[in-house]
Structures are given as structure tokens and as C-alpha cells.
Amino acid sequence: MALIFGLYCTIRIIILAGRKLFFIPLRPLKIKVVKVLDEFIIPFSGLKNGIHHFDFEVNDQFFACFENSEITHGSLNVSLALDKKSVLLVLNIKASGTVIVPCDRCGDDFEFALDGQQSIVVKFGGEESENTDEDVIYLSFKDHEINVAQPVYETISLALPYKRNHDDGKCNPEALKKIKLFSKEDLDKSDSVDPRWEALKKLKFKDNKKK
């Protein structure tokens, strides 16, 4: 019997003893993603010119909405000041909280305190292909709302430093020992001379003596 599920559902087929097929719908991930990100929609058409404040909470569900996200776990508070002008919008985004990231020194995950901010200009009309400024978003004149989930995500991601390490003395000592051991082995291998090169050197030395 064929079962038809919604567009956003996926189907897993499990074959059990007796060759019976059971169709089990998995979580409607895309619907869930849309629902999470919809919380970041700001309808600006009804706002008066001036500054308007919005607050958001970012958690693991938020990061799960972004494919290949470097951050998968975190808890942050985001404050956004939307400055509505007659011809454009200015988004001033601030994010603060903690994220879980791997330590570049020992490899263990740890809680990293993060603070980031970014200002983004929203213009109307024009084409995104003409935009050479990463801090500018283009909307159509027909648009009456903006989803700020992507700018919020970028603000958090850009706040991550290039190197992320535990505080001194808090790295996993066992992991550090193994890394040190492997590094020494690699160094010893690089210092060792390939026996084929040694044999070639001897041949060249004999040829030179004959001459």
C-alpha cells in the first residue's frame, strides 16, 4: 500500500522478518526549521520611522537550521535595534552568551564565552548581484517583512576567534600527551633518511673516486 506524506516529510523503509515493509515517517525537519526561523521575522511595514528594539534567544535548534554550521550547541541572547528610515533600514545586532566548540589544542569540546556585534544596511530595489558590500541586504519594494535569522547567525559566527583554546591548565592532559607523542613520531620520521637516497649517494661517491 502506497502512503503519501507531505512535501517536507521523508520516509524510511525498514525490512523485518517475514518480508513485511513498514513505512515510518521521520521528523518533518524542514517544517521544524521553518518554524524555528519564523521567530526571527520582523514585519517592518507597520513600523514608524525611528529605532525599534527586538530580543531573540538562540539555542541548539537555531544552529541546526544552518547546513554545515561550525556551531551546533550554544545559548545566546540577541538584541537587535532596527532603525527604520524613509529609504532604508539599519540593523544593529548584538549577541552574547556561550557556544560549545572544540579546543584547537587538545580537541575536547568546551564552553566558549562569545560577544559579537554587526551593523547591516537593508536597501530596497536594485539587484543582489550588484552588491559588493557584504554588510548590505537588498529587498524588493514589495517586501513588508525581513527574516533576520541569517544576519544573526553571521554575527555569531564572525565573533568566533580564529584560535579557540581552553584556558591555561584546563586542557585534557591525556589528549595532550598523545598529541605530543604523535608529533614526536612524525618528527622522527621526517628526520630519518630514506635508504634509497643513501644507496644513491654511495654510488655517486664510487663514480667520483674512479674519475
C-alpha atoms as a PDB file:
ATOM      1  CA  MET A   1       0.000   0.000   0.000  1.00  0.00           C
ATOM      2  CA  ALA A   2       1.408   3.315  -1.040  1.00  0.00           C
ATOM      3  CA  LEU A   3       1.390   6.062   1.503  1.00  0.00           C
ATOM      4  CA  ILE A   4       1.708   9.693   0.536  1.00  0.00           C
ATOM      5  CA  PHE A   5       3.246  12.014   3.041  1.00  0.00           C
ATOM      6  CA  GLY A   6       3.634  15.814   2.983  1.00  0.00           C
ATOM      7  CA  LEU A   7       6.292  17.512   0.902  1.00  0.00           C
ATOM      8  CA  TYR A   8       8.507  18.079   3.921  1.00  0.00           C
ATOM      9  CA  CYS A   9       8.437  14.537   5.258  1.00  0.00           C
ATOM     10  CA  THR A  10      10.952  11.844   4.495  1.00  0.00           C
ATOM     11  CA  ILE A  11      10.268   8.133   4.512  1.00  0.00           C
ATOM     12  CA  ARG A  12      12.389   5.358   5.940  1.00  0.00           C
ATOM     13  CA  ILE A  13      11.742   1.766   4.874  1.00  0.00           C
ATOM     14  CA  ILE A  14      12.587  -0.985   7.322  1.00  0.00           C
ATOM     15  CA  ILE A  15      12.511  -4.611   6.191  1.00  0.00           C
ATOM     16  CA  LEU A  16      11.723  -7.019   9.003  1.00  0.00           C
ATOM     17  CA  ALA A  17      11.423 -10.802   9.203  1.00  0.00           C
ATOM     18  CA  GLY A  18       8.678 -12.171   7.016  1.00  0.00           C
ATOM     19  CA  ARG A  19       9.498  -9.578   4.324  1.00  0.00           C
ATOM     20  CA  LYS A  20       6.983  -7.102   5.641  1.00  0.00           C
ATOM     21  CA  LEU A  21       7.531  -3.467   4.838  1.00  0.00           C
ATOM     22  CA  PHE A  22       6.846  -0.760   7.364  1.00  0.00           C
ATOM     23  CA  PHE A  23       6.850   2.865   6.273  1.00  0.00           C
ATOM     24  CA  ILE A  24       7.924   5.118   9.123  1.00  0.00           C
ATOM     25  CA  PRO A  25       7.756   8.883   8.576  1.00  0.00           C
ATOM     26  CA  LEU A  26      10.677  10.694  10.124  1.00  0.00           C
ATOM     27  CA  ARG A  27      10.562  14.095  11.742  1.00  0.00           C
ATOM     28  CA  PRO A  28       9.406  16.776   9.299  1.00  0.00           C
ATOM     29  CA  LEU A  29      12.734  18.566   9.585  1.00  0.00           C
ATOM     30  CA  LYS A  30      12.052  21.302   7.055  1.00  0.00           C
ATOM     31  CA  ILE A  31       8.792  22.248   8.702  1.00  0.00           C
ATOM     32  CA  LYS A  32      10.613  22.407  12.030  1.00  0.00           C
ATOM     33  CA  VAL A  33      13.369  24.555  10.521  1.00  0.00           C
ATOM     34  CA  VAL A  34      10.839  26.958   9.046  1.00  0.00           C
ATOM     35  CA  LYS A  35       9.048  27.232  12.378  1.00  0.00           C
ATOM     36  CA  VAL A  36      12.282  27.994  14.254  1.00  0.00           C
ATOM     37  CA  LEU A  37      13.421  30.627  11.782  1.00  0.00           C
ATOM     38  CA  ASP A  38       9.976  32.218  11.534  1.00  0.00           C
ATOM     39  CA  GLU A  39      10.529  33.543  15.042  1.00  0.00           C
ATOM     40  CA  PHE A  40      13.121  35.886  13.524  1.00  0.00           C
ATOM     41  CA  ILE A  41      10.739  37.560  11.094  1.00  0.00           C
ATOM     42  CA  ILE A  42      10.233  41.282  11.670  1.00  0.00           C
ATOM     43  CA  PRO A  43       7.313  42.963   9.858  1.00  0.00           C
ATOM     44  CA  PHE A  44       8.657  46.469   9.301  1.00  0.00           C
ATOM     45  CA  SER A  45       5.972  47.934   7.058  1.00  0.00           C
ATOM     46  CA  GLY A  46       3.794  48.970  10.012  1.00  0.00           C
ATOM     47  CA  LEU A  47       6.645  50.500  11.995  1.00  0.00           C
ATOM     48  CA  LYS A  48       7.169  54.233  12.248  1.00  0.00           C
ATOM     49  CA  ASN A  49      10.479  55.770  11.251  1.00  0.00           C
ATOM     50  CA  GLY A  50      12.931  55.522  14.127  1.00  0.00           C
ATOM     51  CA  ILE A  51      14.602  52.868  16.266  1.00  0.00           C
ATOM     52  CA  HIS A  52      12.754  49.725  17.322  1.00  0.00           C
ATOM     53  CA  HIS A  53      14.179  47.036  19.643  1.00  0.00           C
ATOM     54  CA  PHE A  54      13.759  43.279  19.339  1.00  0.00           C
ATOM     55  CA  ASP A  55      15.120  40.440  21.501  1.00  0.00           C
ATOM     56  CA  PHE A  56      15.744  36.850  20.470  1.00  0.00           C
ATOM     57  CA  GLU A  57      17.039  33.670  22.093  1.00  0.00           C
ATOM     58  CA  VAL A  58      19.415  31.444  20.158  1.00  0.00           C
ATOM     59  CA  ASN A  59      19.879  27.765  21.047  1.00  0.00           C
ATOM     60  CA  ASP A  60      20.790  24.398  19.521  1.00  0.00           C
ATOM     61  CA  GLN A  61      17.625  24.314  17.405  1.00  0.00           C
ATOM     62  CA  PHE A  62      18.643  27.575  15.768  1.00  0.00           C
ATOM     63  CA  PHE A  63      22.102  26.314  14.766  1.00  0.00           C
ATOM     64  CA  ALA A  64      20.598  23.065  13.452  1.00  0.00           C
ATOM     65  CA  CYS A  65      18.782  25.119  10.802  1.00  0.00           C
ATOM     66  CA  PHE A  66      22.066  26.036   9.090  1.00  0.00           C
ATOM     67  CA  GLU A  67      23.749  23.384   6.992  1.00  0.00           C
ATOM     68  CA  ASN A  68      27.407  22.694   7.851  1.00  0.00           C
ATOM     69  CA  SER A  69      27.238  25.090  10.782  1.00  0.00           C
ATOM     70  CA  GLU A  70      30.515  25.321  12.669  1.00  0.00           C
ATOM     71  CA  ILE A  71      28.476  25.775  15.843  1.00  0.00           C
ATOM     72  CA  THR A  72      25.974  23.093  16.836  1.00  0.00           C
ATOM     73  CA  HIS A  73      25.453  23.867  20.520  1.00  0.00           C
ATOM     74  CA  GLY A  74      25.045  27.207  22.214  1.00  0.00           C
ATOM     75  CA  SER A  75      22.870  29.535  24.241  1.00  0.00           C
ATOM     76  CA  LEU A  76      22.888  33.225  23.417  1.00  0.00           C
ATOM     77  CA  ASN A  77      20.769  36.322  23.823  1.00  0.00           C
ATOM     78  CA  VAL A  78      20.451  38.560  20.814  1.00  0.00           C
ATOM     79  CA  SER A  79      19.345  42.174  20.871  1.00  0.00           C
ATOM     80  CA  LEU A  80      18.525  43.866  17.592  1.00  0.00           C
ATOM     81  CA  ALA A  81      17.925  47.570  17.076  1.00  0.00           C
ATOM     82  CA  LEU A  82      16.126  48.252  13.803  1.00  0.00           C
ATOM     83  CA  ASP A  83      16.497  51.837  12.651  1.00  0.00           C
ATOM     84  CA  LYS A  84      13.794  52.475  10.083  1.00  0.00           C
ATOM     85  CA  LYS A  85      14.441  55.339   7.709  1.00  0.00           C
ATOM     86  CA  SER A  86      12.458  56.568   4.747  1.00  0.00           C
ATOM     87  CA  VAL A  87      14.592  54.775   2.153  1.00  0.00           C
ATOM     88  CA  LEU A  88      16.370  52.013   4.055  1.00  0.00           C
ATOM     89  CA  LEU A  89      16.712  50.005   7.275  1.00  0.00           C
ATOM     90  CA  VAL A  90      19.734  49.655   9.542  1.00  0.00           C
ATOM     91  CA  LEU A  91      20.081  46.527  11.668  1.00  0.00           C
ATOM     92  CA  ASN A  92      22.371  46.766  14.694  1.00  0.00           C
ATOM     93  CA  ILE A  93      22.801  43.259  16.059  1.00  0.00           C
ATOM     94  CA  LYS A  94      24.438  42.260  19.342  1.00  0.00           C
ATOM     95  CA  ALA A  95      24.848  38.669  20.520  1.00  0.00           C
ATOM     96  CA  SER A  96      26.222  37.438  23.824  1.00  0.00           C
ATOM     97  CA  GLY A  97      26.313  34.037  25.501  1.00  0.00           C
ATOM     98  CA  THR A  98      28.200  30.774  25.207  1.00  0.00           C
ATOM     99  CA  VAL A  99      28.816  28.234  22.454  1.00  0.00           C
ATOM    100  CA  ILE A 100      30.367  24.770  22.535  1.00  0.00           C
ATOM    101  CA  VAL A 101      33.431  24.458  20.304  1.00  0.00           C
ATOM    102  CA  PRO A 102      36.388  22.036  20.097  1.00  0.00           C
ATOM    103  CA  CYS A 103      39.655  23.172  21.629  1.00  0.00           C
ATOM    104  CA  ASP A 104      42.352  23.688  18.987  1.00  0.00           C
ATOM    105  CA  ARG A 105      44.972  22.480  21.458  1.00  0.00           C
ATOM    106  CA  CYS A 106      43.563  19.222  22.893  1.00  0.00           C
ATOM    107  CA  GLY A 107      40.466  18.596  20.746  1.00  0.00           C
ATOM    108  CA  ASP A 108      37.966  18.411  23.616  1.00  0.00           C
ATOM    109  CA  ASP A 109      34.753  20.421  23.429  1.00  0.00           C
ATOM    110  CA  PHE A 110      34.474  23.322  25.839  1.00  0.00           C
ATOM    111  CA  GLU A 111      32.173  26.234  26.621  1.00  0.00           C
ATOM    112  CA  PHE A 112      33.352  29.440  24.998  1.00  0.00           C
ATOM    113  CA  ALA A 113      32.044  32.866  26.025  1.00  0.00           C
ATOM    114  CA  LEU A 114      31.141  34.880  22.962  1.00  0.00           C
ATOM    115  CA  ASP A 115      30.229  38.511  22.312  1.00  0.00           C
ATOM    116  CA  GLY A 116      29.642  39.832  18.834  1.00  0.00           C
ATOM    117  CA  GLN A 117      28.032  42.731  17.065  1.00  0.00           C
ATOM    118  CA  GLN A 118      27.399  43.767  13.490  1.00  0.00           C
ATOM    119  CA  SER A 119      25.606  46.522  11.596  1.00  0.00           C
ATOM    120  CA  ILE A 120      23.792  45.702   8.371  1.00  0.00           C
ATOM    121  CA  VAL A 121      22.085  48.068   5.936  1.00  0.00           C
ATOM    122  CA  VAL A 122      18.897  46.943   4.210  1.00  0.00           C
ATOM    123  CA  LYS A 123      18.192  48.668   0.901  1.00  0.00           C
ATOM    124  CA  PHE A 124      15.164  48.425  -1.352  1.00  0.00           C
ATOM    125  CA  GLY A 125      15.290  47.766  -5.077  1.00  0.00           C
ATOM    126  CA  GLY A 126      18.447  47.017  -7.013  1.00  0.00           C
ATOM    127  CA  GLU A 127      19.965  43.605  -7.564  1.00  0.00           C
ATOM    128  CA  GLU A 128      21.956  41.484  -5.137  1.00  0.00           C
ATOM    129  CA  SER A 129      24.401  40.719  -7.973  1.00  0.00           C
ATOM    130  CA  GLU A 130      25.308  44.418  -7.997  1.00  0.00           C
ATOM    131  CA  ASN A 131      26.095  44.326  -4.300  1.00  0.00           C
ATOM    132  CA  THR A 132      29.817  44.218  -3.483  1.00  0.00           C
ATOM    133  CA  ASP A 133      29.334  45.062   0.177  1.00  0.00           C
ATOM    134  CA  GLU A 134      28.733  42.065   2.453  1.00  0.00           C
ATOM    135  CA  ASP A 135      27.011  44.313   5.004  1.00  0.00           C
ATOM    136  CA  VAL A 136      24.171  45.248   2.635  1.00  0.00           C
ATOM    137  CA  ILE A 137      20.947  43.286   2.071  1.00  0.00           C
ATOM    138  CA  TYR A 138      18.611  44.071  -0.818  1.00  0.00           C
ATOM    139  CA  LEU A 139      14.845  43.688  -0.592  1.00  0.00           C
ATOM    140  CA  SER A 140      12.119  44.259  -3.119  1.00  0.00           C
ATOM    141  CA  PHE A 141       9.888  47.318  -2.796  1.00  0.00           C
ATOM    142  CA  LYS A 142       7.030  44.835  -2.356  1.00  0.00           C
ATOM    143  CA  ASP A 143       8.588  43.241   0.743  1.00  0.00           C
ATOM    144  CA  HIS A 144       6.957  44.176   4.036  1.00  0.00           C
ATOM    145  CA  GLU A 145       8.989  41.987   6.413  1.00  0.00           C
ATOM    146  CA  ILE A 146      12.529  40.676   6.883  1.00  0.00           C
ATOM    147  CA  ASN A 147      13.831  37.469   8.397  1.00  0.00           C
ATOM    148  CA  VAL A 148      16.925  38.359  10.423  1.00  0.00           C
ATOM    149  CA  ALA A 149      17.941  34.751  11.198  1.00  0.00           C
ATOM    150  CA  GLN A 150      20.789  34.749   8.660  1.00  0.00           C
ATOM    151  CA  PRO A 151      22.266  38.094   9.830  1.00  0.00           C
ATOM    152  CA  VAL A 152      22.026  36.897  13.432  1.00  0.00           C
ATOM    153  CA  TYR A 153      23.795  33.632  12.554  1.00  0.00           C
ATOM    154  CA  GLU A 154      26.541  35.509  10.701  1.00  0.00           C
ATOM    155  CA  THR A 155      27.033  37.892  13.629  1.00  0.00           C
ATOM    156  CA  ILE A 156      27.604  34.939  15.957  1.00  0.00           C
ATOM    157  CA  SER A 157      29.870  33.072  13.527  1.00  0.00           C
ATOM    158  CA  LEU A 158      32.035  36.126  12.833  1.00  0.00           C
ATOM    159  CA  ALA A 159      32.530  36.628  16.568  1.00  0.00           C
ATOM    160  CA  LEU A 160      34.342  33.295  16.845  1.00  0.00           C
ATOM    161  CA  PRO A 161      38.110  33.845  17.042  1.00  0.00           C
ATOM    162  CA  TYR A 162      40.468  32.056  14.671  1.00  0.00           C
ATOM    163  CA  LYS A 163      42.038  30.119  17.563  1.00  0.00           C
ATOM    164  CA  ARG A 164      39.859  28.636  20.302  1.00  0.00           C
ATOM    165  CA  ASN A 165      41.657  27.131  23.247  1.00  0.00           C
ATOM    166  CA  HIS A 166      40.893  26.156  26.814  1.00  0.00           C
ATOM    167  CA  ASP A 167      42.242  28.466  29.467  1.00  0.00           C
ATOM    168  CA  ASP A 168      45.741  27.510  30.579  1.00  0.00           C
ATOM    169  CA  GLY A 169      45.752  24.322  32.614  1.00  0.00           C
ATOM    170  CA  LYS A 170      42.259  23.193  31.585  1.00  0.00           C
ATOM    171  CA  CYS A 171      43.117  21.099  28.532  1.00  0.00           C
ATOM    172  CA  ASN A 172      42.717  17.329  28.628  1.00  0.00           C
ATOM    173  CA  PRO A 173      46.168  16.112  29.840  1.00  0.00           C
ATOM    174  CA  GLU A 174      45.796  12.665  28.262  1.00  0.00           C
ATOM    175  CA  ALA A 175      44.947  14.175  24.896  1.00  0.00           C
ATOM    176  CA  LEU A 176      47.973  16.496  25.120  1.00  0.00           C
ATOM    177  CA  LYS A 177      50.255  13.538  25.869  1.00  0.00           C
ATOM    178  CA  LYS A 178      49.019  11.668  22.796  1.00  0.00           C
ATOM    179  CA  ILE A 179      49.364  14.735  20.573  1.00  0.00           C
ATOM    180  CA  LYS A 180      52.919  15.264  21.844  1.00  0.00           C
ATOM    181  CA  LEU A 181      53.760  11.593  21.217  1.00  0.00           C
ATOM    182  CA  PHE A 182      52.383  11.627  17.681  1.00  0.00           C
ATOM    183  CA  SER A 183      54.197  14.901  16.938  1.00  0.00           C
ATOM    184  CA  LYS A 184      57.490  13.356  18.106  1.00  0.00           C
ATOM    185  CA  GLU A 185      56.933  10.281  15.924  1.00  0.00           C
ATOM    186  CA  ASP A 186      56.240  12.476  12.903  1.00  0.00           C
ATOM    187  CA  LEU A 187      59.391  14.483  13.636  1.00  0.00           C
ATOM    188  CA  ASP A 188      61.483  11.328  13.909  1.00  0.00           C
ATOM    189  CA  LYS A 189      60.115  10.093  10.587  1.00  0.00           C
ATOM    190  CA  SER A 190      60.932  13.374   8.887  1.00  0.00           C
ATOM    191  CA  ASP A 191      64.493  13.289  10.268  1.00  0.00           C
ATOM    192  CA  SER A 192      65.150   9.726   9.114  1.00  0.00           C
ATOM    193  CA  VAL A 193      66.898   9.380   5.753  1.00  0.00           C
ATOM    194  CA  ASP A 194      65.354   7.277   3.020  1.00  0.00           C
ATOM    195  CA  PRO A 195      67.702   4.271   2.480  1.00  0.00           C
ATOM    196  CA  ARG A 196      67.281   4.623  -1.288  1.00  0.00           C
ATOM    197  CA  TRP A 197      68.882   8.069  -1.119  1.00  0.00           C
ATOM    198  CA  GLU A 198      71.752   6.629   0.945  1.00  0.00           C
ATOM    199  CA  ALA A 199      72.370   3.969  -1.691  1.00  0.00           C
ATOM    200  CA  LEU A 200      72.329   6.596  -4.438  1.00  0.00           C
ATOM    201  CA  LYS A 201      74.854   8.718  -2.554  1.00  0.00           C
ATOM    202  CA  LYS A 202      77.227   5.742  -2.260  1.00  0.00           C
ATOM    203  CA  LEU A 203      77.026   5.077  -6.000  1.00  0.00           C
ATOM    204  CA  LYS A 204      77.831   8.689  -6.792  1.00  0.00           C
ATOM    205  CA  PHE A 205      80.775   8.582  -4.356  1.00  0.00           C
ATOM    206  CA  LYS A 206      82.223   5.478  -6.071  1.00  0.00           C
ATOM    207  CA  ASP A 207      81.853   7.068  -9.514  1.00  0.00           C
ATOM    208  CA  ASN A 208      83.700  10.171  -8.357  1.00  0.00           C
ATOM    209  CA  LYS A 209      86.583   8.056  -6.956  1.00  0.00           C
ATOM    210  CA  LYS A 210      87.005   6.240 -10.286  1.00  0.00           C
ATOM    211  CA  LYS A 211      87.322   9.565 -12.088  1.00  0.00           C
END
